[in-house]
C-alpha atoms as a PDB file:
ATOM      1  CA  MET A   1       7.113 -84.167  54.212  1.00  0.00           C
ATOM      2  CA  TYR A   2       9.387 -83.991  57.233  1.00  0.00           C
ATOM      3  CA  PRO A   3       7.432 -82.272  60.026  1.00  0.00           C
ATOM      4  CA  ILE A   4       9.260 -80.660  62.935  1.00  0.00           C
ATOM      5  CA  GLY A   5       7.810 -79.869  66.368  1.00  0.00           C
ATOM      6  CA  SER A   6       4.457 -80.745  67.869  1.00  0.00           C
ATOM      7  CA  PHE A   7       2.954 -81.839  64.543  1.00  0.00           C
ATOM      8  CA  ALA A   8       5.777 -84.352  64.163  1.00  0.00           C
ATOM      9  CA  SER A   9       5.081 -85.826  67.593  1.00  0.00           C
ATOM     10  CA  PHE A  10       1.367 -86.017  66.906  1.00  0.00           C
ATOM     11  CA  SER A  11       1.682 -87.524  63.442  1.00  0.00           C
ATOM     12  CA  GLN A  12       4.112 -90.225  64.591  1.00  0.00           C
ATOM     13  CA  SER A  13       2.055 -91.312  67.586  1.00  0.00           C
ATOM     14  CA  GLU A  14       1.738 -95.099  67.613  1.00  0.00           C
ATOM     15  CA  SER A  15      -1.750 -95.158  69.061  1.00  0.00           C
ATOM     16  CA  ILE A  16      -4.190 -92.518  67.954  1.00  0.00           C
ATOM     17  CA  ASP A  17      -7.285 -94.721  67.919  1.00  0.00           C
ATOM     18  CA  HIS A  18      -8.966 -92.409  70.414  1.00  0.00           C
ATOM     19  CA  LEU A  19      -8.468 -89.514  67.974  1.00  0.00           C
ATOM     20  CA  GLN A  20     -10.442 -90.915  65.052  1.00  0.00           C
ATOM     21  CA  SER A  21     -12.382 -87.669  64.636  1.00  0.00           C
ATOM     22  CA  VAL A  22      -9.241 -85.515  64.348  1.00  0.00           C
ATOM     23  CA  SER A  23      -8.442 -84.331  60.837  1.00  0.00           C
ATOM     24  CA  MET A  24      -4.776 -83.929  59.910  1.00  0.00           C
ATOM     25  CA  SER A  25      -5.256 -81.542  57.015  1.00  0.00           C
ATOM     26  CA  LEU A  26      -2.407 -79.035  56.768  1.00  0.00           C
ATOM     27  CA  TRP A  27      -4.549 -76.344  55.190  1.00  0.00           C
ATOM     28  CA  LYS A  28      -7.870 -75.830  53.540  1.00  0.00           C
ATOM     29  CA  GLU A  29      -7.283 -76.705  49.927  1.00  0.00           C
ATOM     30  CA  GLU A  30      -7.327 -73.628  47.761  1.00  0.00           C
ATOM     31  CA  ASP A  31      -7.230 -73.747  43.990  1.00  0.00           C
ATOM     32  CA  ALA A  32      -4.508 -71.084  43.761  1.00  0.00           C
ATOM     33  CA  CYS A  33      -2.265 -73.034  46.141  1.00  0.00           C
ATOM     34  CA  VAL A  34      -2.754 -76.314  44.287  1.00  0.00           C
ATOM     35  CA  GLU A  35      -2.142 -74.558  40.963  1.00  0.00           C
ATOM     36  CA  TRP A  36       1.065 -73.024  42.329  1.00  0.00           C
ATOM     37  CA  LEU A  37       2.259 -76.434  43.577  1.00  0.00           C
ATOM     38  CA  ASN A  38       1.439 -78.115  40.262  1.00  0.00           C
ATOM     39  CA  ASP A  39       3.961 -75.817  38.556  1.00  0.00           C
ATOM     40  CA  LYS A  40       6.796 -77.027  40.809  1.00  0.00           C
ATOM     41  CA  GLU A  41       8.965 -80.132  40.567  1.00  0.00           C
ATOM     42  CA  PRO A  42       7.903 -83.025  42.836  1.00  0.00           C
ATOM     43  CA  LYS A  43       9.565 -82.947  46.277  1.00  0.00           C
ATOM     44  CA  SER A  44      11.061 -79.511  45.636  1.00  0.00           C
ATOM     45  CA  VAL A  45       8.901 -77.216  47.800  1.00  0.00           C
ATOM     46  CA  VAL A  46       9.714 -76.282  51.395  1.00  0.00           C
ATOM     47  CA  TYR A  47       6.583 -75.873  53.558  1.00  0.00           C
ATOM     48  CA  VAL A  48       6.933 -73.563  56.580  1.00  0.00           C
ATOM     49  CA  ASN A  49       4.263 -73.156  59.248  1.00  0.00           C
ATOM     50  CA  PHE A  50       5.262 -72.341  62.820  1.00  0.00           C
ATOM     51  CA  GLY A  51       1.661 -72.641  63.986  1.00  0.00           C
ATOM     52  CA  SER A  52      -0.306 -70.113  65.958  1.00  0.00           C
ATOM     53  CA  ALA A  53       1.393 -70.774  69.315  1.00  0.00           C
ATOM     54  CA  THR A  54       4.929 -69.877  68.213  1.00  0.00           C
ATOM     55  CA  VAL A  55       6.153 -66.312  68.574  1.00  0.00           C
ATOM     56  CA  LEU A  56       9.445 -64.957  67.280  1.00  0.00           C
ATOM     57  CA  THR A  57      11.441 -61.803  67.773  1.00  0.00           C
ATOM     58  CA  HIS A  58      11.684 -59.447  64.812  1.00  0.00           C
ATOM     59  CA  ASN A  59      15.347 -60.484  64.389  1.00  0.00           C
ATOM     60  CA  GLN A  60      14.417 -64.193  64.348  1.00  0.00           C
ATOM     61  CA  LEU A  61      11.727 -63.573  61.719  1.00  0.00           C
ATOM     62  CA  ASN A  62      14.168 -61.559  59.612  1.00  0.00           C
ATOM     63  CA  GLU A  63      16.932 -64.169  59.908  1.00  0.00           C
ATOM     64  CA  PHE A  64      14.557 -67.020  59.093  1.00  0.00           C
ATOM     65  CA  SER A  65      13.061 -65.224  56.092  1.00  0.00           C
ATOM     66  CA  TRP A  66      16.499 -64.555  54.605  1.00  0.00           C
ATOM     67  CA  GLY A  67      17.488 -68.156  55.261  1.00  0.00           C
ATOM     68  CA  LEU A  68      14.529 -69.166  53.104  1.00  0.00           C
ATOM     69  CA  ALA A  69      15.471 -66.629  50.445  1.00  0.00           C
ATOM     70  CA  ASN A  70      19.091 -67.777  50.385  1.00  0.00           C
ATOM     71  CA  SER A  71      18.076 -71.442  50.098  1.00  0.00           C
ATOM     72  CA  GLN A  72      17.054 -70.754  46.492  1.00  0.00           C
ATOM     73  CA  ARG A  73      14.248 -73.330  46.946  1.00  0.00           C
ATOM     74  CA  PRO A  74      10.565 -72.741  46.189  1.00  0.00           C
ATOM     75  CA  PHE A  75       8.563 -72.442  49.406  1.00  0.00           C
ATOM     76  CA  ILE A  76       5.141 -72.017  50.929  1.00  0.00           C
ATOM     77  CA  TRP A  77       5.213 -70.001  54.141  1.00  0.00           C
ATOM     78  CA  VAL A  78       2.099 -69.768  56.288  1.00  0.00           C
ATOM     79  CA  ILE A  79       2.390 -66.713  58.537  1.00  0.00           C
ATOM     80  CA  HIS A  80      -0.173 -66.620  61.305  1.00  0.00           C
ATOM     81  CA  GLU A  81      -1.478 -63.450  62.905  1.00  0.00           C
ATOM     82  CA  ASP A  82       0.959 -61.855  65.377  1.00  0.00           C
ATOM     83  CA  PRO A  83       3.922 -64.258  65.095  1.00  0.00           C
ATOM     84  CA  VAL A  84       6.317 -61.545  66.317  1.00  0.00           C
ATOM     85  CA  ILE A  85       6.610 -60.638  70.000  1.00  0.00           C
ATOM     86  CA  GLY A  86       5.011 -57.261  70.671  1.00  0.00           C
ATOM     87  CA  GLU A  87       4.588 -56.166  67.059  1.00  0.00           C
ATOM     88  CA  SER A  88       3.051 -57.177  63.774  1.00  0.00           C
ATOM     89  CA  ALA A  89       5.022 -59.332  61.374  1.00  0.00           C
ATOM     90  CA  THR A  90       6.321 -57.438  58.403  1.00  0.00           C
ATOM     91  CA  ILE A  91       8.138 -59.070  55.561  1.00  0.00           C
ATOM     92  CA  GLY A  92      10.227 -56.472  53.765  1.00  0.00           C
ATOM     93  CA  LYS A  93       9.724 -55.446  50.148  1.00  0.00           C
ATOM     94  CA  VAL A  94      13.276 -56.524  49.331  1.00  0.00           C
ATOM     95  CA  PHE A  95      12.506 -60.063  50.589  1.00  0.00           C
ATOM     96  CA  VAL A  96       9.232 -60.198  48.634  1.00  0.00           C
ATOM     97  CA  GLU A  97      10.985 -59.010  45.471  1.00  0.00           C
ATOM     98  CA  ALA A  98      13.872 -61.467  45.932  1.00  0.00           C
ATOM     99  CA  THR A  99      11.543 -64.469  46.329  1.00  0.00           C
ATOM    100  CA  LYS A 100       8.511 -63.564  44.207  1.00  0.00           C
ATOM    101  CA  GLU A 101       9.236 -66.199  41.537  1.00  0.00           C
ATOM    102  CA  ARG A 102       9.449 -69.082  44.020  1.00  0.00           C
ATOM    103  CA  ALA A 103       7.465 -68.104  47.105  1.00  0.00           C
ATOM    104  CA  LEU A 104       3.851 -68.476  48.124  1.00  0.00           C
ATOM    105  CA  ILE A 105       3.204 -66.577  51.356  1.00  0.00           C
ATOM    106  CA  LEU A 106      -0.146 -67.262  52.986  1.00  0.00           C
ATOM    107  CA  ARG A 107      -1.613 -65.232  55.835  1.00  0.00           C
END
């Protein structure tokens, strides 16, 4: 895994002794997610999670989603509530159809 952003800074901290009680679990393990991952080649899945503090414009969300689709890689995308500025996040039916064989979208 190659984390980007605040998680990367936190996970690479040299001294986190004072944070012994902090868990670094990426998500609550769910059987369906593990099953989905087990069907994929090792080191082949892209994991996307902007976190709950990041907000995007609708155009940024659209551009990013099609970047994922065009990558032709399997991916897990965690979409938090209200990631788009001033509106709800909608992933188009065309995107869902184009990626249904290789995408796991979690809300």
